[in-house]
Amino acid sequence: MSENNDEFKAWAEKKWGNKRASTGGGVYFLGFVGAAIFYISSATDFWTGTLGILKAIVWPAFLVFSALSELGG
């Protein structure tokens, strides 16, 4: 099993080099901060604000769900 993994790593290194995409985490973080500000600013009490933080963590799931709902009918 390890031999196949090593072969894949060598192939990927040859094909793409040592490039890594690192912008996804930054974009997600900015989205998290924006969602947290939105949800907390509309909170009426402590527990609604806490729920807002939890919603801000999983905001991409809400986005994908609503997009697929619109596309699927």
PDB file of N, CA and C in Angstrom:
ATOM      1  N   MET A   1       0.834  -1.193   0.000  1.00  0.00           N
ATOM      2  CA  MET A   1       0.000   0.000   0.000  1.00  0.00           C
ATOM      3  C   MET A   1       0.874   1.251   0.000  1.00  0.00           C
ATOM      4  N   SER A   2       1.921   1.239   0.792  1.00  0.00           N
ATOM      5  CA  SER A   2       2.813   2.390   0.874  1.00  0.00           C
ATOM      6  C   SER A   2       3.540   2.619  -0.448  1.00  0.00           C
ATOM      7  N   GLU A   3       3.814   1.521  -1.163  1.00  0.00           N
ATOM      8  CA  GLU A   3       4.501   1.637  -2.442  1.00  0.00           C
ATOM      9  C   GLU A   3       3.644   2.405  -3.446  1.00  0.00           C
ATOM     10  N   ASN A   4       2.340   2.119  -3.483  1.00  0.00           N
ATOM     11  CA  ASN A   4       1.440   2.839  -4.383  1.00  0.00           C
ATOM     12  C   ASN A   4       1.359   4.308  -4.013  1.00  0.00           C
ATOM     13  N   ASN A   5       1.331   4.597  -2.717  1.00  0.00           N
ATOM     14  CA  ASN A   5       1.270   5.975  -2.244  1.00  0.00           C
ATOM     15  C   ASN A   5       2.536   6.729  -2.660  1.00  0.00           C
ATOM     16  N   ASP A   6       3.691   6.087  -2.526  1.00  0.00           N
ATOM     17  CA  ASP A   6       4.947   6.719  -2.925  1.00  0.00           C
ATOM     18  C   ASP A   6       4.981   6.967  -4.432  1.00  0.00           C
ATOM     19  N   GLU A   7       4.458   6.008  -5.202  1.00  0.00           N
ATOM     20  CA  GLU A   7       4.407   6.189  -6.651  1.00  0.00           C
ATOM     21  C   GLU A   7       3.502   7.358  -7.021  1.00  0.00           C
ATOM     22  N   PHE A   8       2.365   7.464  -6.346  1.00  0.00           N
ATOM     23  CA  PHE A   8       1.451   8.571  -6.620  1.00  0.00           C
ATOM     24  C   PHE A   8       2.093   9.903  -6.271  1.00  0.00           C
ATOM     25  N   LYS A   9       2.768   9.971  -5.119  1.00  0.00           N
ATOM     26  CA  LYS A   9       3.430  11.212  -4.724  1.00  0.00           C
ATOM     27  C   LYS A   9       4.495  11.616  -5.742  1.00  0.00           C
ATOM     28  N   ALA A  10       5.253  10.638  -6.230  1.00  0.00           N
ATOM     29  CA  ALA A  10       6.283  10.937  -7.225  1.00  0.00           C
ATOM     30  C   ALA A  10       5.643  11.422  -8.524  1.00  0.00           C
ATOM     31  N   TRP A  11       4.541  10.782  -8.935  1.00  0.00           N
ATOM     32  CA  TRP A  11       3.845  11.197 -10.154  1.00  0.00           C
ATOM     33  C   TRP A  11       3.279  12.608 -10.006  1.00  0.00           C
ATOM     34  N   ALA A  12       2.640  12.890  -8.856  1.00  0.00           N
ATOM     35  CA  ALA A  12       2.050  14.206  -8.634  1.00  0.00           C
ATOM     36  C   ALA A  12       3.127  15.287  -8.576  1.00  0.00           C
ATOM     37  N   GLU A  13       4.247  14.975  -7.959  1.00  0.00           N
ATOM     38  CA  GLU A  13       5.357  15.934  -7.884  1.00  0.00           C
ATOM     39  C   GLU A  13       5.877  16.245  -9.287  1.00  0.00           C
ATOM     40  N   LYS A  14       5.972  15.232 -10.112  1.00  0.00           N
ATOM     41  CA  LYS A  14       6.450  15.416 -11.484  1.00  0.00           C
ATOM     42  C   LYS A  14       5.441  16.213 -12.310  1.00  0.00           C
ATOM     43  N   LYS A  15       4.159  15.917 -12.124  1.00  0.00           N
ATOM     44  CA  LYS A  15       3.115  16.560 -12.931  1.00  0.00           C
ATOM     45  C   LYS A  15       2.895  18.013 -12.536  1.00  0.00           C
ATOM     46  N   TRP A  16       2.743  18.264 -11.230  1.00  0.00           N
ATOM     47  CA  TRP A  16       2.377  19.607 -10.777  1.00  0.00           C
ATOM     48  C   TRP A  16       3.468  20.323 -10.000  1.00  0.00           C
ATOM     49  N   GLY A  17       4.538  19.694  -9.710  1.00  0.00           N
ATOM     50  CA  GLY A  17       5.587  20.322  -8.917  1.00  0.00           C
ATOM     51  C   GLY A  17       5.169  20.392  -7.454  1.00  0.00           C
ATOM     52  N   ASN A  18       5.713  21.305  -6.734  1.00  0.00           N
ATOM     53  CA  ASN A  18       5.424  21.418  -5.308  1.00  0.00           C
ATOM     54  C   ASN A  18       4.487  22.594  -5.053  1.00  0.00           C
ATOM     55  N   LYS A  19       3.495  22.779  -5.909  1.00  0.00           N
ATOM     56  CA  LYS A  19       2.559  23.889  -5.783  1.00  0.00           C
ATOM     57  C   LYS A  19       1.424  23.487  -4.849  1.00  0.00           C
ATOM     58  N   ARG A  20       1.029  24.402  -4.019  1.00  0.00           N
ATOM     59  CA  ARG A  20      -0.085  24.153  -3.113  1.00  0.00           C
ATOM     60  C   ARG A  20      -0.978  25.388  -3.104  1.00  0.00           C
ATOM     61  N   ALA A  21      -2.280  25.146  -3.156  1.00  0.00           N
ATOM     62  CA  ALA A  21      -3.234  26.247  -3.092  1.00  0.00           C
ATOM     63  C   ALA A  21      -3.444  26.613  -1.631  1.00  0.00           C
ATOM     64  N   SER A  22      -3.191  27.855  -1.289  1.00  0.00           N
ATOM     65  CA  SER A  22      -3.311  28.261   0.110  1.00  0.00           C
ATOM     66  C   SER A  22      -4.303  29.404   0.299  1.00  0.00           C
ATOM     67  N   THR A  23      -5.034  29.765  -0.732  1.00  0.00           N
ATOM     68  CA  THR A  23      -5.959  30.892  -0.605  1.00  0.00           C
ATOM     69  C   THR A  23      -7.322  30.473  -0.080  1.00  0.00           C
ATOM     70  N   GLY A  24      -7.655  29.201  -0.142  1.00  0.00           N
ATOM     71  CA  GLY A  24      -8.961  28.742   0.310  1.00  0.00           C
ATOM     72  C   GLY A  24      -9.206  29.009   1.782  1.00  0.00           C
ATOM     73  N   GLY A  25      -8.196  28.815   2.594  1.00  0.00           N
ATOM     74  CA  GLY A  25      -8.353  29.053   4.026  1.00  0.00           C
ATOM     75  C   GLY A  25      -8.597  30.520   4.328  1.00  0.00           C
ATOM     76  N   GLY A  26      -7.930  31.393   3.623  1.00  0.00           N
ATOM     77  CA  GLY A  26      -8.130  32.829   3.830  1.00  0.00           C
ATOM     78  C   GLY A  26      -9.509  33.287   3.415  1.00  0.00           C
ATOM     79  N   VAL A  27     -10.000  32.755   2.300  1.00  0.00           N
ATOM     80  CA  VAL A  27     -11.336  33.106   1.828  1.00  0.00           C
ATOM     81  C   VAL A  27     -12.380  32.588   2.814  1.00  0.00           C
ATOM     82  N   TYR A  28     -12.198  31.361   3.283  1.00  0.00           N
ATOM     83  CA  TYR A  28     -13.132  30.796   4.259  1.00  0.00           C
ATOM     84  C   TYR A  28     -13.120  31.625   5.548  1.00  0.00           C
ATOM     85  N   PHE A  29     -11.947  32.042   5.988  1.00  0.00           N
ATOM     86  CA  PHE A  29     -11.846  32.838   7.212  1.00  0.00           C
ATOM     87  C   PHE A  29     -12.577  34.171   7.060  1.00  0.00           C
ATOM     88  N   LEU A  30     -12.402  34.838   5.919  1.00  0.00           N
ATOM     89  CA  LEU A  30     -13.114  36.100   5.698  1.00  0.00           C
ATOM     90  C   LEU A  30     -14.625  35.877   5.674  1.00  0.00           C
ATOM     91  N   GLY A  31     -15.045  34.780   5.073  1.00  0.00           N
ATOM     92  CA  GLY A  31     -16.463  34.442   5.082  1.00  0.00           C
ATOM     93  C   GLY A  31     -16.965  34.165   6.484  1.00  0.00           C
ATOM     94  N   PHE A  32     -16.153  33.474   7.285  1.00  0.00           N
ATOM     95  CA  PHE A  32     -16.522  33.196   8.674  1.00  0.00           C
ATOM     96  C   PHE A  32     -16.681  34.493   9.457  1.00  0.00           C
ATOM     97  N   VAL A  33     -15.738  35.393   9.321  1.00  0.00           N
ATOM     98  CA  VAL A  33     -15.803  36.663  10.050  1.00  0.00           C
ATOM     99  C   VAL A  33     -17.030  37.464   9.621  1.00  0.00           C
ATOM    100  N   GLY A  34     -17.283  37.527   8.317  1.00  0.00           N
ATOM    101  CA  GLY A  34     -18.452  38.248   7.833  1.00  0.00           C
ATOM    102  C   GLY A  34     -19.750  37.639   8.320  1.00  0.00           C
ATOM    103  N   ALA A  35     -19.843  36.313   8.293  1.00  0.00           N
ATOM    104  CA  ALA A  35     -21.055  35.631   8.765  1.00  0.00           C
ATOM    105  C   ALA A  35     -21.218  35.814  10.269  1.00  0.00           C
ATOM    106  N   ALA A  36     -20.120  35.749  11.013  1.00  0.00           N
ATOM    107  CA  ALA A  36     -20.203  35.937  12.466  1.00  0.00           C
ATOM    108  C   ALA A  36     -20.686  37.338  12.805  1.00  0.00           C
ATOM    109  N   ILE A  37     -20.168  38.333  12.120  1.00  0.00           N
ATOM    110  CA  ILE A  37     -20.620  39.707  12.360  1.00  0.00           C
ATOM    111  C   ILE A  37     -22.100  39.848  12.028  1.00  0.00           C
ATOM    112  N   PHE A  38     -22.520  39.262  10.916  1.00  0.00           N
ATOM    113  CA  PHE A  38     -23.926  39.343  10.521  1.00  0.00           C
ATOM    114  C   PHE A  38     -24.830  38.687  11.561  1.00  0.00           C
ATOM    115  N   TYR A  39     -24.506  37.449  11.944  1.00  0.00           N
ATOM    116  CA  TYR A  39     -25.362  36.722  12.875  1.00  0.00           C
ATOM    117  C   TYR A  39     -25.347  37.340  14.273  1.00  0.00           C
ATOM    118  N   ILE A  40     -24.194  37.804  14.735  1.00  0.00           N
ATOM    119  CA  ILE A  40     -24.116  38.385  16.078  1.00  0.00           C
ATOM    120  C   ILE A  40     -24.818  39.737  16.119  1.00  0.00           C
ATOM    121  N   SER A  41     -24.708  40.508  15.040  1.00  0.00           N
ATOM    122  CA  SER A  41     -25.356  41.819  15.049  1.00  0.00           C
ATOM    123  C   SER A  41     -26.884  41.707  15.049  1.00  0.00           C
ATOM    124  N   SER A  42     -27.404  40.600  14.549  1.00  0.00           N
ATOM    125  CA  SER A  42     -28.852  40.421  14.555  1.00  0.00           C
ATOM    126  C   SER A  42     -29.338  39.599  15.751  1.00  0.00           C
ATOM    127  N   ALA A  43     -28.425  39.224  16.648  1.00  0.00           N
ATOM    128  CA  ALA A  43     -28.808  38.425  17.816  1.00  0.00           C
ATOM    129  C   ALA A  43     -29.507  39.303  18.848  1.00  0.00           C
ATOM    130  N   THR A  44     -30.512  38.707  19.487  1.00  0.00           N
ATOM    131  CA  THR A  44     -31.265  39.447  20.505  1.00  0.00           C
ATOM    132  C   THR A  44     -30.855  39.069  21.922  1.00  0.00           C
ATOM    133  N   ASP A  45     -30.204  37.924  22.093  1.00  0.00           N
ATOM    134  CA  ASP A  45     -29.729  37.521  23.417  1.00  0.00           C
ATOM    135  C   ASP A  45     -28.457  36.682  23.266  1.00  0.00           C
ATOM    136  N   PHE A  46     -27.921  36.244  24.389  1.00  0.00           N
ATOM    137  CA  PHE A  46     -26.644  35.521  24.396  1.00  0.00           C
ATOM    138  C   PHE A  46     -26.719  34.233  23.587  1.00  0.00           C
ATOM    139  N   TRP A  47     -27.775  33.446  23.767  1.00  0.00           N
ATOM    140  CA  TRP A  47     -27.863  32.144  23.118  1.00  0.00           C
ATOM    141  C   TRP A  47     -28.083  32.276  21.611  1.00  0.00           C
ATOM    142  N   THR A  48     -28.750  33.312  21.194  1.00  0.00           N
ATOM    143  CA  THR A  48     -28.895  33.560  19.758  1.00  0.00           C
ATOM    144  C   THR A  48     -27.534  33.939  19.161  1.00  0.00           C
ATOM    145  N   GLY A  49     -26.745  34.689  19.902  1.00  0.00           N
ATOM    146  CA  GLY A  49     -25.390  35.017  19.456  1.00  0.00           C
ATOM    147  C   GLY A  49     -24.504  33.791  19.387  1.00  0.00           C
ATOM    148  N   THR A  50     -24.650  32.892  20.372  1.00  0.00           N
ATOM    149  CA  THR A  50     -23.885  31.643  20.365  1.00  0.00           C
ATOM    150  C   THR A  50     -24.277  30.792  19.163  1.00  0.00           C
ATOM    151  N   LEU A  51     -25.567  30.705  18.899  1.00  0.00           N
ATOM    152  CA  LEU A  51     -26.030  29.984  17.717  1.00  0.00           C
ATOM    153  C   LEU A  51     -25.506  30.642  16.449  1.00  0.00           C
ATOM    154  N   GLY A  52     -25.388  31.962  16.453  1.00  0.00           N
ATOM    155  CA  GLY A  52     -24.836  32.679  15.304  1.00  0.00           C
ATOM    156  C   GLY A  52     -23.392  32.301  15.034  1.00  0.00           C
ATOM    157  N   ILE A  53     -22.603  32.123  16.086  1.00  0.00           N
ATOM    158  CA  ILE A  53     -21.207  31.686  15.917  1.00  0.00           C
ATOM    159  C   ILE A  53     -21.174  30.297  15.288  1.00  0.00           C
ATOM    160  N   LEU A  54     -22.037  29.400  15.767  1.00  0.00           N
ATOM    161  CA  LEU A  54     -22.083  28.052  15.196  1.00  0.00           C
ATOM    162  C   LEU A  54     -22.531  28.086  13.735  1.00  0.00           C
ATOM    163  N   LYS A  55     -23.487  28.936  13.420  1.00  0.00           N
ATOM    164  CA  LYS A  55     -23.922  29.077  12.033  1.00  0.00           C
ATOM    165  C   LYS A  55     -22.804  29.647  11.168  1.00  0.00           C
ATOM    166  N   ALA A  56     -22.026  30.566  11.727  1.00  0.00           N
ATOM    167  CA  ALA A  56     -20.928  31.168  10.962  1.00  0.00           C
ATOM    168  C   ALA A  56     -19.866  30.127  10.616  1.00  0.00           C
ATOM    169  N   ILE A  57     -19.702  29.125  11.465  1.00  0.00           N
ATOM    170  CA  ILE A  57     -18.716  28.079  11.194  1.00  0.00           C
ATOM    171  C   ILE A  57     -19.140  27.246   9.989  1.00  0.00           C
ATOM    172  N   VAL A  58     -20.437  26.985   9.863  1.00  0.00           N
ATOM    173  CA  VAL A  58     -20.915  26.093   8.801  1.00  0.00           C
ATOM    174  C   VAL A  58     -21.656  26.845   7.691  1.00  0.00           C
ATOM    175  N   TRP A  59     -21.390  28.123   7.510  1.00  0.00           N
ATOM    176  CA  TRP A  59     -22.109  28.902   6.499  1.00  0.00           C
ATOM    177  C   TRP A  59     -21.988  28.336   5.092  1.00  0.00           C
ATOM    178  N   PRO A  60     -20.883  27.690   4.689  1.00  0.00           N
ATOM    179  CA  PRO A  60     -20.864  27.143   3.328  1.00  0.00           C
ATOM    180  C   PRO A  60     -21.935  26.071   3.112  1.00  0.00           C
ATOM    181  N   ALA A  61     -22.274  25.335   4.159  1.00  0.00           N
ATOM    182  CA  ALA A  61     -23.321  24.323   4.020  1.00  0.00           C
ATOM    183  C   ALA A  61     -24.658  24.991   3.718  1.00  0.00           C
ATOM    184  N   PHE A  62     -24.961  26.100   4.380  1.00  0.00           N
ATOM    185  CA  PHE A  62     -26.190  26.836   4.087  1.00  0.00           C
ATOM    186  C   PHE A  62     -26.181  27.355   2.651  1.00  0.00           C
ATOM    187  N   LEU A  63     -25.044  27.846   2.214  1.00  0.00           N
ATOM    188  CA  LEU A  63     -24.917  28.384   0.857  1.00  0.00           C
ATOM    189  C   LEU A  63     -25.147  27.305  -0.190  1.00  0.00           C
ATOM    190  N   VAL A  64     -24.499  26.162  -0.025  1.00  0.00           N
ATOM    191  CA  VAL A  64     -24.647  25.071  -0.986  1.00  0.00           C
ATOM    192  C   VAL A  64     -26.074  24.529  -0.963  1.00  0.00           C
ATOM    193  N   PHE A  65     -26.667  24.393   0.222  1.00  0.00           N
ATOM    194  CA  PHE A  65     -28.033  23.895   0.326  1.00  0.00           C
ATOM    195  C   PHE A  65     -29.007  24.799  -0.411  1.00  0.00           C
ATOM    196  N   SER A  66     -28.903  26.103  -0.192  1.00  0.00           N
ATOM    197  CA  SER A  66     -29.834  27.026  -0.847  1.00  0.00           C
ATOM    198  C   SER A  66     -29.591  27.063  -2.359  1.00  0.00           C
ATOM    199  N   ALA A  67     -28.351  26.977  -2.784  1.00  0.00           N
ATOM    200  CA  ALA A  67     -28.050  26.972  -4.223  1.00  0.00           C
ATOM    201  C   ALA A  67     -28.615  25.717  -4.885  1.00  0.00           C
ATOM    202  N   LEU A  68     -28.427  24.567  -4.255  1.00  0.00           N
ATOM    203  CA  LEU A  68     -28.950  23.334  -4.830  1.00  0.00           C
ATOM    204  C   LEU A  68     -30.478  23.303  -4.772  1.00  0.00           C
ATOM    205  N   SER A  69     -31.061  23.905  -3.751  1.00  0.00           N
ATOM    206  CA  SER A  69     -32.523  23.974  -3.676  1.00  0.00           C
ATOM    207  C   SER A  69     -33.083  24.790  -4.836  1.00  0.00           C
ATOM    208  N   GLU A  70     -32.420  25.893  -5.146  1.00  0.00           N
ATOM    209  CA  GLU A  70     -32.865  26.733  -6.254  1.00  0.00           C
ATOM    210  C   GLU A  70     -32.674  26.045  -7.606  1.00  0.00           C
ATOM    211  N   LEU A  71     -31.578  25.341  -7.748  1.00  0.00           N
ATOM    212  CA  LEU A  71     -31.289  24.672  -9.021  1.00  0.00           C
ATOM    213  C   LEU A  71     -32.156  23.431  -9.224  1.00  0.00           C
ATOM    214  N   GLY A  72     -32.434  22.737  -8.110  1.00  0.00           N
ATOM    215  CA  GLY A  72     -33.184  21.491  -8.208  1.00  0.00           C
ATOM    216  C   GLY A  72     -34.684  21.683  -8.315  1.00  0.00           C
ATOM    217  N   GLY A  73     -35.151  22.836  -7.983  1.00  0.00           N
ATOM    218  CA  GLY A  73     -36.587  23.087  -8.100  1.00  0.00           C
ATOM    219  C   GLY A  73     -37.220  22.906  -6.830  1.00  0.00           C
TER     220      GLY A  73
END
